[in-house]
Amino acid sequence: MIEAVLFNWSGTLSDYGGRGREAWYQAAGGEATSPARLAAHWPKHAGTISTLKPGVLLLLNFLQCNQIPYGTLTLESAPVLADLVQALHEFNLKPQINLVDTSPIHAIHQAVSQLAIHNQAHVLGVFDQGDWLIAAKHCQLNTVGIIEGSRMIGLSQPAWTNLPAGQKKRLAQLARRRLIQLEVENPLMNAQALFLLIRQLKQLEVRA
């Protein structure tokens, strides 16, 4: 049974490889920069960071059509989250919750509470890098680690597309190995693979 699905943004839902977020923070002065400087540089990078990754629309439409609650989480500011969520609204996609917090653990706890989850193990925590996945494990979610387009690999979509097949395979294997080290239950290649997994789980529910 799937009670809900939670996602972070950059590297999972949008911003292939996290390259837009990295460029935004570099332009603003680095990870320790002030919120005011980040806000000043946001408009220039908003389009890249809010661009949805391949397969995300199909996945979220499936969740919505099957009445599976889903939510988005971020450590960025509320205005940034508003712009990101607007990118979904343009496709008539409306997550049940969209949260900003200062830590992944707090964000996940808030989401689980607001969605009135009965069993955290029935929540898929879909994330692209270690801090979110560790937090999801701590919160006893069923973890899904996304490989392609993740910040763990850190390549833009054109850079990934242009790689030789052998190099893609090696990078994917390294990322998968890292996800296994983090004890992620479901290391998956991309949103399409997650769509297929959730569809299979829904079919099993119906048969039961």
C-alpha atoms as a PDB file:
ATOM      1  CA  MET A   1       0.000   0.000   0.000  1.00  0.00           C
ATOM      2  CA  ILE A   2       1.192   3.527  -0.827  1.00  0.00           C
ATOM      3  CA  GLU A   3      -0.197   6.223   1.472  1.00  0.00           C
ATOM      4  CA  ALA A   4       1.781   9.079  -0.095  1.00  0.00           C
ATOM      5  CA  VAL A   5       4.877  10.031  -2.075  1.00  0.00           C
ATOM      6  CA  LEU A   6       7.289  12.811  -1.070  1.00  0.00           C
ATOM      7  CA  PHE A   7       9.824  14.472  -3.378  1.00  0.00           C
ATOM      8  CA  ASN A   8      12.556  17.054  -3.125  1.00  0.00           C
ATOM      9  CA  TRP A   9      13.032  19.418  -6.054  1.00  0.00           C
ATOM     10  CA  SER A  10      16.496  19.955  -7.535  1.00  0.00           C
ATOM     11  CA  GLY A  11      17.806  16.693  -8.997  1.00  0.00           C
ATOM     12  CA  THR A  12      14.584  14.733  -8.386  1.00  0.00           C
ATOM     13  CA  LEU A  13      11.578  16.585  -9.828  1.00  0.00           C
ATOM     14  CA  SER A  14      13.420  19.344 -11.666  1.00  0.00           C
ATOM     15  CA  ASP A  15      16.825  20.875 -12.459  1.00  0.00           C
ATOM     16  CA  TYR A  16      18.615  17.968 -14.160  1.00  0.00           C
ATOM     17  CA  GLY A  17      21.818  17.196 -12.274  1.00  0.00           C
ATOM     18  CA  GLY A  18      21.248  20.138  -9.949  1.00  0.00           C
ATOM     19  CA  ARG A  19      23.228  22.320 -12.353  1.00  0.00           C
ATOM     20  CA  GLY A  20      20.832  25.261 -12.143  1.00  0.00           C
ATOM     21  CA  ARG A  21      20.917  25.304  -8.352  1.00  0.00           C
ATOM     22  CA  GLU A  22      24.712  25.098  -8.359  1.00  0.00           C
ATOM     23  CA  ALA A  23      24.995  28.015 -10.800  1.00  0.00           C
ATOM     24  CA  TRP A  24      22.506  30.030  -8.719  1.00  0.00           C
ATOM     25  CA  TYR A  25      24.422  29.553  -5.483  1.00  0.00           C
ATOM     26  CA  GLN A  26      27.779  30.237  -7.155  1.00  0.00           C
ATOM     27  CA  ALA A  27      26.453  33.480  -8.632  1.00  0.00           C
ATOM     28  CA  ALA A  28      25.119  34.525  -5.222  1.00  0.00           C
ATOM     29  CA  GLY A  29      28.378  33.788  -3.396  1.00  0.00           C
ATOM     30  CA  GLY A  30      28.250  30.127  -2.375  1.00  0.00           C
ATOM     31  CA  GLU A  31      26.324  27.899   0.032  1.00  0.00           C
ATOM     32  CA  ALA A  32      26.920  30.257   2.987  1.00  0.00           C
ATOM     33  CA  THR A  33      25.536  33.301   1.176  1.00  0.00           C
ATOM     34  CA  SER A  34      22.734  35.439   2.596  1.00  0.00           C
ATOM     35  CA  PRO A  35      19.050  34.871   1.759  1.00  0.00           C
ATOM     36  CA  ALA A  36      18.934  38.401   0.325  1.00  0.00           C
ATOM     37  CA  ARG A  37      21.702  37.660  -2.201  1.00  0.00           C
ATOM     38  CA  LEU A  38      20.052  34.385  -3.177  1.00  0.00           C
ATOM     39  CA  ALA A  39      16.748  36.189  -3.708  1.00  0.00           C
ATOM     40  CA  ALA A  40      18.447  38.815  -5.874  1.00  0.00           C
ATOM     41  CA  HIS A  41      19.955  36.154  -8.156  1.00  0.00           C
ATOM     42  CA  TRP A  42      16.917  33.847  -8.214  1.00  0.00           C
ATOM     43  CA  PRO A  43      15.086  35.385 -11.224  1.00  0.00           C
ATOM     44  CA  LYS A  44      18.024  34.660 -13.540  1.00  0.00           C
ATOM     45  CA  HIS A  45      18.119  30.963 -12.575  1.00  0.00           C
ATOM     46  CA  ALA A  46      14.438  30.267 -11.839  1.00  0.00           C
ATOM     47  CA  GLY A  47      13.652  28.930 -15.312  1.00  0.00           C
ATOM     48  CA  THR A  48      16.425  26.330 -15.275  1.00  0.00           C
ATOM     49  CA  ILE A  49      15.776  25.167 -11.725  1.00  0.00           C
ATOM     50  CA  SER A  50      12.021  24.827 -12.235  1.00  0.00           C
ATOM     51  CA  THR A  51      12.351  22.878 -15.518  1.00  0.00           C
ATOM     52  CA  LEU A  52      10.871  19.436 -14.842  1.00  0.00           C
ATOM     53  CA  LYS A  53      12.956  16.348 -15.510  1.00  0.00           C
ATOM     54  CA  PRO A  54      11.941  13.755 -18.145  1.00  0.00           C
ATOM     55  CA  GLY A  55       9.180  11.425 -16.970  1.00  0.00           C
ATOM     56  CA  VAL A  56       8.073  13.619 -14.059  1.00  0.00           C
ATOM     57  CA  LEU A  57       4.828  14.755 -15.702  1.00  0.00           C
ATOM     58  CA  LEU A  58       3.775  11.170 -16.455  1.00  0.00           C
ATOM     59  CA  LEU A  59       4.604  10.096 -12.908  1.00  0.00           C
ATOM     60  CA  LEU A  60       2.774  12.944 -11.166  1.00  0.00           C
ATOM     61  CA  ASN A  61      -0.248  12.638 -13.450  1.00  0.00           C
ATOM     62  CA  PHE A  62      -0.445   8.952 -12.537  1.00  0.00           C
ATOM     63  CA  LEU A  63      -0.330   9.770  -8.816  1.00  0.00           C
ATOM     64  CA  GLN A  64      -3.006  12.419  -9.217  1.00  0.00           C
ATOM     65  CA  CYS A  65      -5.298  10.243 -11.342  1.00  0.00           C
ATOM     66  CA  ASN A  66      -4.994   7.391  -8.835  1.00  0.00           C
ATOM     67  CA  GLN A  67      -5.607   9.693  -5.863  1.00  0.00           C
ATOM     68  CA  ILE A  68      -2.215   8.974  -4.299  1.00  0.00           C
ATOM     69  CA  PRO A  69      -1.288  12.031  -2.198  1.00  0.00           C
ATOM     70  CA  TYR A  70       2.082  13.562  -2.999  1.00  0.00           C
ATOM     71  CA  GLY A  71       4.051  16.490  -1.708  1.00  0.00           C
ATOM     72  CA  THR A  72       7.135  18.532  -2.475  1.00  0.00           C
ATOM     73  CA  LEU A  73       9.822  19.575  -0.009  1.00  0.00           C
ATOM     74  CA  THR A  74      12.664  22.084  -0.194  1.00  0.00           C
ATOM     75  CA  LEU A  75      15.247  23.832   1.956  1.00  0.00           C
ATOM     76  CA  GLU A  76      14.990  26.980  -0.168  1.00  0.00           C
ATOM     77  CA  SER A  77      12.797  30.011   0.584  1.00  0.00           C
ATOM     78  CA  ALA A  78       9.009  30.266   0.323  1.00  0.00           C
ATOM     79  CA  PRO A  79       9.162  32.531  -2.801  1.00  0.00           C
ATOM     80  CA  VAL A  80      11.401  29.963  -4.507  1.00  0.00           C
ATOM     81  CA  LEU A  81       8.986  27.161  -3.609  1.00  0.00           C
ATOM     82  CA  ALA A  82       6.086  29.216  -4.976  1.00  0.00           C
ATOM     83  CA  ASP A  83       7.816  29.513  -8.370  1.00  0.00           C
ATOM     84  CA  LEU A  84       8.641  25.799  -8.413  1.00  0.00           C
ATOM     85  CA  VAL A  85       5.077  24.790  -7.559  1.00  0.00           C
ATOM     86  CA  GLN A  86       3.806  27.138 -10.272  1.00  0.00           C
ATOM     87  CA  ALA A  87       5.739  25.015 -12.787  1.00  0.00           C
ATOM     88  CA  LEU A  88       3.493  22.097 -11.774  1.00  0.00           C
ATOM     89  CA  HIS A  89       0.298  24.141 -11.715  1.00  0.00           C
ATOM     90  CA  GLU A  90       0.853  24.996 -15.389  1.00  0.00           C
ATOM     91  CA  PHE A  91       0.253  21.287 -16.081  1.00  0.00           C
ATOM     92  CA  ASN A  92      -2.717  21.147 -13.667  1.00  0.00           C
ATOM     93  CA  LEU A  93      -0.614  19.248 -11.145  1.00  0.00           C
ATOM     94  CA  LYS A  94      -1.440  20.166  -7.558  1.00  0.00           C
ATOM     95  CA  PRO A  95       0.554  18.502  -4.779  1.00  0.00           C
ATOM     96  CA  GLN A  96      -1.350  18.102  -1.523  1.00  0.00           C
ATOM     97  CA  ILE A  97       1.472  19.804   0.378  1.00  0.00           C
ATOM     98  CA  ASN A  98       4.494  21.942  -0.495  1.00  0.00           C
ATOM     99  CA  LEU A  99       6.861  22.630   2.387  1.00  0.00           C
ATOM    100  CA  VAL A 100       9.903  24.757   3.148  1.00  0.00           C
ATOM    101  CA  ASP A 101      12.065  23.914   6.145  1.00  0.00           C
ATOM    102  CA  THR A 102      15.629  24.286   7.363  1.00  0.00           C
ATOM    103  CA  SER A 103      16.406  20.561   7.449  1.00  0.00           C
ATOM    104  CA  PRO A 104      15.291  17.472   5.530  1.00  0.00           C
ATOM    105  CA  ILE A 105      14.242  15.671   8.733  1.00  0.00           C
ATOM    106  CA  HIS A 106      12.020  18.547   9.858  1.00  0.00           C
ATOM    107  CA  ALA A 107      10.503  18.850   6.381  1.00  0.00           C
ATOM    108  CA  ILE A 108       9.679  15.137   6.242  1.00  0.00           C
ATOM    109  CA  HIS A 109       8.240  15.136   9.770  1.00  0.00           C
ATOM    110  CA  GLN A 110       6.022  18.089   8.846  1.00  0.00           C
ATOM    111  CA  ALA A 111       4.842  16.384   5.668  1.00  0.00           C
ATOM    112  CA  VAL A 112       4.010  13.110   7.422  1.00  0.00           C
ATOM    113  CA  SER A 113       2.083  15.019  10.088  1.00  0.00           C
ATOM    114  CA  GLN A 114       0.134  17.205   7.646  1.00  0.00           C
ATOM    115  CA  LEU A 115      -0.804  14.232   5.473  1.00  0.00           C
ATOM    116  CA  ALA A 116      -2.008  12.322   8.572  1.00  0.00           C
ATOM    117  CA  ILE A 117       0.017   9.264   7.608  1.00  0.00           C
ATOM    118  CA  HIS A 118      -0.853   6.059   9.471  1.00  0.00           C
ATOM    119  CA  ASN A 119       2.320   4.131   8.646  1.00  0.00           C
ATOM    120  CA  GLN A 120       5.515   5.867   7.521  1.00  0.00           C
ATOM    121  CA  ALA A 121       6.680   2.682   5.801  1.00  0.00           C
ATOM    122  CA  HIS A 122       3.798   3.195   3.346  1.00  0.00           C
ATOM    123  CA  VAL A 123       5.257   6.546   2.262  1.00  0.00           C
ATOM    124  CA  LEU A 124       7.738   6.626  -0.613  1.00  0.00           C
ATOM    125  CA  GLY A 125      10.487   9.168   0.035  1.00  0.00           C
ATOM    126  CA  VAL A 126      11.882   9.973  -3.417  1.00  0.00           C
ATOM    127  CA  PHE A 127      15.155  11.894  -3.267  1.00  0.00           C
ATOM    128  CA  ASP A 128      18.349  12.376  -5.238  1.00  0.00           C
ATOM    129  CA  GLN A 129      21.121  12.694  -2.673  1.00  0.00           C
ATOM    130  CA  GLY A 130      22.398  11.620   0.699  1.00  0.00           C
ATOM    131  CA  ASP A 131      21.072  14.230   3.137  1.00  0.00           C
ATOM    132  CA  TRP A 132      17.457  13.726   2.066  1.00  0.00           C
ATOM    133  CA  LEU A 133      17.769   9.943   1.889  1.00  0.00           C
ATOM    134  CA  ILE A 134      19.372   9.711   5.342  1.00  0.00           C
ATOM    135  CA  ALA A 135      16.559  11.874   6.719  1.00  0.00           C
ATOM    136  CA  ALA A 136      13.957   9.668   5.016  1.00  0.00           C
ATOM    137  CA  LYS A 137      15.528   6.555   6.557  1.00  0.00           C
ATOM    138  CA  HIS A 138      15.509   8.274   9.956  1.00  0.00           C
ATOM    139  CA  CYS A 139      11.792   8.991   9.498  1.00  0.00           C
ATOM    140  CA  GLN A 140      11.180   5.330   8.544  1.00  0.00           C
ATOM    141  CA  LEU A 141       9.992   6.067   5.011  1.00  0.00           C
ATOM    142  CA  ASN A 142      10.309   3.581   2.168  1.00  0.00           C
ATOM    143  CA  THR A 143      13.208   5.214   0.340  1.00  0.00           C
ATOM    144  CA  VAL A 144      13.649   5.671  -3.404  1.00  0.00           C
ATOM    145  CA  GLY A 145      16.955   6.988  -4.725  1.00  0.00           C
ATOM    146  CA  ILE A 146      16.893   8.514  -8.204  1.00  0.00           C
ATOM    147  CA  ILE A 147      20.095   8.060 -10.226  1.00  0.00           C
ATOM    148  CA  GLU A 148      19.768   9.763 -13.624  1.00  0.00           C
ATOM    149  CA  GLY A 149      19.769  13.561 -13.435  1.00  0.00           C
ATOM    150  CA  SER A 150      20.592  13.486  -9.721  1.00  0.00           C
ATOM    151  CA  ARG A 151      22.955  15.811  -7.904  1.00  0.00           C
ATOM    152  CA  MET A 152      24.823  12.661  -6.886  1.00  0.00           C
ATOM    153  CA  ILE A 153      25.985  12.409 -10.519  1.00  0.00           C
ATOM    154  CA  GLY A 154      25.789  16.149 -11.131  1.00  0.00           C
ATOM    155  CA  LEU A 155      25.702  16.271 -14.938  1.00  0.00           C
ATOM    156  CA  SER A 156      23.398  18.431 -17.039  1.00  0.00           C
ATOM    157  CA  GLN A 157      21.018  16.686 -19.426  1.00  0.00           C
ATOM    158  CA  PRO A 158      23.107  17.489 -22.550  1.00  0.00           C
ATOM    159  CA  ALA A 159      26.301  16.329 -20.813  1.00  0.00           C
ATOM    160  CA  TRP A 160      24.640  13.063 -19.759  1.00  0.00           C
ATOM    161  CA  THR A 161      23.075  12.504 -23.185  1.00  0.00           C
ATOM    162  CA  ASN A 162      26.438  12.950 -24.924  1.00  0.00           C
ATOM    163  CA  LEU A 163      28.320  10.473 -22.731  1.00  0.00           C
ATOM    164  CA  PRO A 164      29.348   7.134 -24.275  1.00  0.00           C
ATOM    165  CA  ALA A 165      27.135   4.269 -23.117  1.00  0.00           C
ATOM    166  CA  GLY A 166      29.948   2.663 -21.144  1.00  0.00           C
ATOM    167  CA  GLN A 167      30.636   5.817 -19.181  1.00  0.00           C
ATOM    168  CA  LYS A 168      26.930   6.275 -18.418  1.00  0.00           C
ATOM    169  CA  LYS A 169      26.821   2.727 -17.103  1.00  0.00           C
ATOM    170  CA  ARG A 170      29.868   3.277 -14.874  1.00  0.00           C
ATOM    171  CA  LEU A 171      28.487   6.501 -13.385  1.00  0.00           C
ATOM    172  CA  ALA A 172      25.093   4.895 -12.800  1.00  0.00           C
ATOM    173  CA  GLN A 173      26.766   1.928 -11.088  1.00  0.00           C
ATOM    174  CA  LEU A 174      28.748   4.261  -8.813  1.00  0.00           C
ATOM    175  CA  ALA A 175      25.573   6.141  -7.862  1.00  0.00           C
ATOM    176  CA  ARG A 176      23.693   2.882  -7.288  1.00  0.00           C
ATOM    177  CA  ARG A 177      26.528   1.636  -5.071  1.00  0.00           C
ATOM    178  CA  ARG A 178      26.324   4.836  -3.028  1.00  0.00           C
ATOM    179  CA  LEU A 179      22.549   4.412  -2.656  1.00  0.00           C
ATOM    180  CA  ILE A 180      23.034   0.827  -1.483  1.00  0.00           C
ATOM    181  CA  GLN A 181      25.601   2.048   1.078  1.00  0.00           C
ATOM    182  CA  LEU A 182      22.920   4.447   2.334  1.00  0.00           C
ATOM    183  CA  GLU A 183      20.586   1.427   2.655  1.00  0.00           C
ATOM    184  CA  VAL A 184      18.089   2.856   0.177  1.00  0.00           C
ATOM    185  CA  GLU A 185      15.371   0.264  -0.452  1.00  0.00           C
ATOM    186  CA  ASN A 186      14.723   1.211  -4.084  1.00  0.00           C
ATOM    187  CA  PRO A 187      17.644   2.581  -6.138  1.00  0.00           C
ATOM    188  CA  LEU A 188      15.940   3.499  -9.430  1.00  0.00           C
ATOM    189  CA  MET A 189      17.278   4.949 -12.640  1.00  0.00           C
ATOM    190  CA  ASN A 190      14.685   7.673 -13.228  1.00  0.00           C
ATOM    191  CA  ALA A 191      11.069   8.855 -12.919  1.00  0.00           C
ATOM    192  CA  GLN A 192       9.954   6.354 -15.564  1.00  0.00           C
ATOM    193  CA  ALA A 193      11.276   3.467 -13.449  1.00  0.00           C
ATOM    194  CA  LEU A 194       9.453   4.868 -10.412  1.00  0.00           C
ATOM    195  CA  PHE A 195       6.236   5.182 -12.420  1.00  0.00           C
ATOM    196  CA  LEU A 196       6.492   1.504 -13.390  1.00  0.00           C
ATOM    197  CA  LEU A 197       7.160   0.482  -9.777  1.00  0.00           C
ATOM    198  CA  ILE A 198       4.186   2.435  -8.397  1.00  0.00           C
ATOM    199  CA  ARG A 199       1.899   1.154 -11.152  1.00  0.00           C
ATOM    200  CA  GLN A 200       2.931  -2.411 -10.322  1.00  0.00           C
ATOM    201  CA  LEU A 201       2.292  -1.836  -6.605  1.00  0.00           C
ATOM    202  CA  LYS A 202      -1.153  -0.387  -7.371  1.00  0.00           C
ATOM    203  CA  GLN A 203      -2.010  -3.424  -9.502  1.00  0.00           C
ATOM    204  CA  LEU A 204      -1.006  -5.724  -6.630  1.00  0.00           C
ATOM    205  CA  GLU A 205      -3.280  -3.742  -4.278  1.00  0.00           C
ATOM    206  CA  VAL A 206      -6.228  -4.225  -6.631  1.00  0.00           C
ATOM    207  CA  ARG A 207      -5.595  -7.967  -6.891  1.00  0.00           C
ATOM    208  CA  ALA A 208      -5.403  -8.269  -3.107  1.00  0.00           C
END
